[in-house]
C-alpha cells in the first residue's frame, strides 16, 4: 500500500518505494511548481494521466542524465538538425 499525499509537498523517503512496480512511492498531491521542485530534489518524479491520480515514482536504479557527459552520435545529430 502506498501513501496518499496531503495538502503539502512532503514525500516519504525514496527508499520506501515499492519494488513492484519498481519505484512507485505515493499518490495524490499536485503538479504545482512547489510540489515538482520538492519531488525532483529527492529524486522523485510524477507520472500523470488525465482523469487519474498523480503517481509519484523513484525507481531503483534511476537514470541520471549529466548534460556535460551526453554524447550525440552523428546520426542523432542529423536527425535533430532535420527537426524530428
N, C-alpha and C. Protein backbone atom coordinates (compact mmCIF):
# COMPACT_ATOMS: atom_id res chain seq x y z
N UNK A 1 0.85 -1.18 0.00
CA UNK A 1 0.00 0.00 0.00
C UNK A 1 0.89 1.24 0.00
N UNK A 2 0.59 2.18 -0.88
CA UNK A 2 1.37 3.40 -0.93
C UNK A 2 0.61 4.53 -0.23
N UNK A 3 1.34 5.50 0.30
CA UNK A 3 0.66 6.61 0.98
C UNK A 3 -0.02 7.56 0.00
N UNK A 4 -1.11 8.16 0.47
CA UNK A 4 -1.80 9.21 -0.28
C UNK A 4 -1.30 10.54 0.28
N UNK A 5 -0.80 11.41 -0.59
CA UNK A 5 -0.21 12.67 -0.14
C UNK A 5 -1.29 13.69 0.22
N UNK A 6 -0.99 14.54 1.19
CA UNK A 6 -1.94 15.54 1.67
C UNK A 6 -1.84 16.85 0.92
N UNK A 7 -1.95 17.94 1.66
CA UNK A 7 -2.01 19.29 1.08
C UNK A 7 -0.65 19.94 0.90
N UNK A 8 0.40 19.34 1.43
CA UNK A 8 1.73 19.95 1.37
C UNK A 8 2.71 18.98 0.69
N UNK A 9 3.70 19.51 -0.02
CA UNK A 9 4.63 18.65 -0.75
C UNK A 9 5.65 17.96 0.16
N UNK A 10 5.16 17.04 0.95
CA UNK A 10 6.02 16.24 1.83
C UNK A 10 5.92 14.80 1.36
N UNK A 11 7.06 14.26 0.92
CA UNK A 11 7.09 12.92 0.35
C UNK A 11 7.72 11.93 1.32
N UNK A 12 7.31 10.67 1.24
CA UNK A 12 8.02 9.64 2.02
C UNK A 12 9.43 9.49 1.45
N UNK A 13 10.33 8.90 2.20
CA UNK A 13 11.68 8.70 1.69
C UNK A 13 11.66 7.84 0.41
N UNK A 14 12.49 8.19 -0.54
CA UNK A 14 12.57 7.44 -1.79
C UNK A 14 12.90 5.97 -1.53
N UNK A 15 13.60 5.71 -0.45
CA UNK A 15 13.97 4.33 -0.12
C UNK A 15 12.76 3.46 0.21
N UNK A 16 11.60 4.07 0.46
CA UNK A 16 10.41 3.29 0.78
C UNK A 16 9.57 2.96 -0.47
N UNK A 17 10.08 3.29 -1.66
CA UNK A 17 9.35 3.00 -2.90
C UNK A 17 9.21 1.49 -3.07
N UNK A 18 8.12 1.09 -3.71
CA UNK A 18 7.86 -0.33 -3.95
C UNK A 18 8.87 -0.92 -4.92
N UNK A 19 9.10 -2.21 -4.79
CA UNK A 19 9.94 -2.92 -5.76
C UNK A 19 9.13 -3.31 -6.99
N UNK A 20 7.84 -3.63 -6.78
CA UNK A 20 6.93 -3.97 -7.87
C UNK A 20 5.63 -3.21 -7.67
N UNK A 21 5.23 -2.33 -8.54
CA UNK A 21 6.01 -1.86 -9.68
C UNK A 21 7.20 -1.03 -9.20
N UNK A 22 8.30 -1.17 -9.90
CA UNK A 22 9.58 -0.59 -9.49
C UNK A 22 9.51 0.92 -9.32
N UNK A 23 9.57 1.34 -8.07
CA UNK A 23 9.71 2.75 -7.77
C UNK A 23 8.45 3.50 -7.40
N UNK A 24 7.29 2.85 -7.43
CA UNK A 24 6.07 3.56 -7.05
C UNK A 24 6.17 3.96 -5.59
N UNK A 25 5.98 5.24 -5.32
CA UNK A 25 6.23 5.77 -3.99
C UNK A 25 4.97 6.31 -3.30
N UNK A 26 4.15 7.05 -4.03
CA UNK A 26 2.99 7.69 -3.41
C UNK A 26 2.00 8.09 -4.49
N UNK A 27 0.81 8.53 -4.05
CA UNK A 27 -0.22 9.01 -4.97
C UNK A 27 -0.81 10.29 -4.41
N UNK A 28 -1.42 11.08 -5.31
CA UNK A 28 -2.08 12.30 -4.89
C UNK A 28 -1.20 13.51 -5.04
N UNK A 29 -1.55 14.55 -4.31
CA UNK A 29 -0.76 15.76 -4.36
C UNK A 29 -1.14 16.65 -5.53
N UNK A 30 -0.16 17.37 -6.03
CA UNK A 30 -0.39 18.38 -7.04
C UNK A 30 0.79 18.45 -8.00
N UNK A 31 0.55 19.01 -9.17
CA UNK A 31 1.64 19.23 -10.13
C UNK A 31 2.11 20.69 -10.09
N UNK A 32 1.79 21.39 -9.02
CA UNK A 32 2.22 22.78 -8.85
C UNK A 32 3.74 22.84 -8.72
N UNK A 33 4.34 23.98 -9.07
CA UNK A 33 5.81 24.09 -9.03
C UNK A 33 6.44 23.71 -7.69
N UNK A 34 5.83 24.08 -6.57
CA UNK A 34 6.43 23.73 -5.28
C UNK A 34 6.47 22.22 -5.07
N UNK A 35 5.45 21.53 -5.55
CA UNK A 35 5.43 20.06 -5.46
C UNK A 35 6.53 19.46 -6.34
N UNK A 36 6.61 19.93 -7.58
CA UNK A 36 7.60 19.38 -8.50
C UNK A 36 9.02 19.63 -8.01
N UNK A 37 9.30 20.83 -7.53
CA UNK A 37 10.65 21.13 -7.04
C UNK A 37 11.00 20.26 -5.83
N UNK A 38 10.05 20.11 -4.91
CA UNK A 38 10.30 19.27 -3.73
C UNK A 38 10.57 17.83 -4.15
N UNK A 39 9.80 17.35 -5.11
CA UNK A 39 9.97 15.97 -5.57
C UNK A 39 11.30 15.78 -6.28
N UNK A 40 11.60 16.64 -7.24
CA UNK A 40 12.83 16.50 -8.04
C UNK A 40 14.07 16.57 -7.15
N UNK A 41 14.03 17.37 -6.11
CA UNK A 41 15.18 17.48 -5.20
C UNK A 41 15.46 16.14 -4.49
N UNK A 42 14.44 15.29 -4.42
CA UNK A 42 14.60 14.00 -3.73
C UNK A 42 14.68 12.82 -4.71
N UNK A 43 14.78 13.12 -6.00
CA UNK A 43 14.85 12.05 -6.99
C UNK A 43 13.51 11.39 -7.24
N UNK A 44 12.45 12.14 -7.07
CA UNK A 44 11.08 11.64 -7.25
C UNK A 44 10.47 12.39 -8.43
N UNK A 45 9.69 11.69 -9.24
CA UNK A 45 9.03 12.37 -10.35
C UNK A 45 7.59 11.87 -10.49
N UNK A 46 6.73 12.74 -11.06
CA UNK A 46 5.33 12.35 -11.22
C UNK A 46 5.09 11.65 -12.55
N UNK A 47 4.06 10.83 -12.57
CA UNK A 47 3.55 10.26 -13.82
C UNK A 47 2.06 10.50 -13.76
N UNK A 48 1.54 11.18 -14.77
CA UNK A 48 0.16 11.65 -14.70
C UNK A 48 -0.59 11.36 -15.98
N UNK A 49 -1.79 10.83 -15.85
CA UNK A 49 -2.72 10.66 -16.96
C UNK A 49 -4.01 11.37 -16.59
N UNK A 50 -4.55 12.11 -17.54
CA UNK A 50 -5.79 12.85 -17.30
C UNK A 50 -6.86 11.92 -16.72
N UNK A 51 -7.52 12.38 -15.66
CA UNK A 51 -8.59 11.61 -15.05
C UNK A 51 -8.12 10.57 -14.05
N UNK A 52 -6.82 10.47 -13.83
CA UNK A 52 -6.27 9.51 -12.86
C UNK A 52 -5.48 10.27 -11.80
N UNK A 53 -5.28 9.65 -10.63
CA UNK A 53 -4.48 10.32 -9.61
C UNK A 53 -3.02 10.46 -10.07
N UNK A 54 -2.36 11.45 -9.54
CA UNK A 54 -0.92 11.62 -9.80
C UNK A 54 -0.19 10.52 -9.05
N UNK A 55 0.69 9.82 -9.73
CA UNK A 55 1.53 8.82 -9.09
C UNK A 55 2.96 9.36 -9.04
N UNK A 56 3.62 9.14 -7.93
CA UNK A 56 4.99 9.64 -7.73
C UNK A 56 5.93 8.44 -7.69
N UNK A 57 7.04 8.55 -8.40
CA UNK A 57 7.95 7.42 -8.60
C UNK A 57 9.39 7.77 -8.25
N UNK A 58 10.11 6.78 -7.81
CA UNK A 58 11.56 6.87 -7.61
C UNK A 58 12.15 5.48 -7.83
N UNK A 59 12.29 5.06 -9.09
CA UNK A 59 12.76 3.70 -9.38
C UNK A 59 14.22 3.49 -9.00
N UNK A 60 14.56 2.26 -8.79
CA UNK A 60 15.93 1.88 -8.46
C UNK A 60 16.37 0.79 -9.43
N UNK A 61 17.34 1.00 -10.25
CA UNK A 61 18.18 2.22 -10.32
C UNK A 61 17.48 3.29 -11.13
N UNK A 62 17.89 4.53 -10.88
CA UNK A 62 17.39 5.67 -11.63
C UNK A 62 18.40 6.05 -12.69
N UNK A 63 17.89 6.60 -13.76
CA UNK A 63 18.77 7.13 -14.78
C UNK A 63 19.02 8.60 -14.48
N UNK A 64 20.26 8.98 -14.45
CA UNK A 64 20.62 10.38 -14.23
C UNK A 64 21.35 10.85 -15.48
N UNK A 65 20.84 11.91 -16.09
CA UNK A 65 21.47 12.46 -17.29
C UNK A 65 22.32 13.66 -16.88
N UNK A 66 23.60 13.58 -17.18
CA UNK A 66 24.52 14.67 -16.90
C UNK A 66 24.81 15.35 -18.24
N UNK A 67 24.27 16.56 -18.44
CA UNK A 67 24.39 17.21 -19.75
C UNK A 67 25.81 17.26 -20.31
N UNK A 68 26.79 17.49 -19.46
CA UNK A 68 28.17 17.59 -19.95
C UNK A 68 28.73 16.24 -20.42
N UNK A 69 28.04 15.14 -20.08
CA UNK A 69 28.52 13.82 -20.46
C UNK A 69 27.71 13.19 -21.59
N UNK A 70 26.74 13.95 -22.13
CA UNK A 70 25.94 13.42 -23.23
C UNK A 70 26.76 13.40 -24.50
N UNK A 71 26.72 12.30 -25.20
CA UNK A 71 27.41 12.18 -26.48
C UNK A 71 26.36 12.03 -27.56
N UNK A 72 26.28 13.02 -28.43
CA UNK A 72 25.33 12.98 -29.54
C UNK A 72 26.03 12.32 -30.72
N UNK A 73 25.51 11.17 -31.13
CA UNK A 73 26.10 10.48 -32.28
C UNK A 73 25.84 11.27 -33.56
N UNK A 74 26.60 10.98 -34.58
CA UNK A 74 26.46 11.69 -35.84
C UNK A 74 25.04 11.51 -36.42
N UNK A 75 24.53 10.29 -36.37
CA UNK A 75 23.19 10.05 -36.93
C UNK A 75 22.11 10.77 -36.12
N UNK A 76 22.25 10.81 -34.80
CA UNK A 76 21.28 11.54 -33.99
C UNK A 76 21.38 13.03 -34.27
N UNK A 77 22.59 13.53 -34.44
CA UNK A 77 22.78 14.94 -34.77
C UNK A 77 22.08 15.31 -36.07
N UNK A 78 22.18 14.43 -37.06
CA UNK A 78 21.50 14.68 -38.34
C UNK A 78 19.99 14.71 -38.15
N UNK A 79 19.49 13.76 -37.38
CA UNK A 79 18.04 13.70 -37.11
C UNK A 79 17.57 14.96 -36.41
N UNK A 80 18.33 15.42 -35.44
CA UNK A 80 17.95 16.63 -34.69
C UNK A 80 17.96 17.86 -35.60
N UNK A 81 18.93 17.93 -36.51
CA UNK A 81 19.00 19.06 -37.42
C UNK A 81 17.81 19.10 -38.37
N UNK A 82 17.25 17.93 -38.68
CA UNK A 82 16.09 17.84 -39.55
C UNK A 82 14.80 18.25 -38.82
N UNK A 83 14.90 18.37 -37.50
CA UNK A 83 13.73 18.77 -36.72
C UNK A 83 12.81 17.64 -36.33
N UNK A 84 13.30 16.41 -36.38
CA UNK A 84 12.47 15.27 -35.99
C UNK A 84 12.57 15.01 -34.51
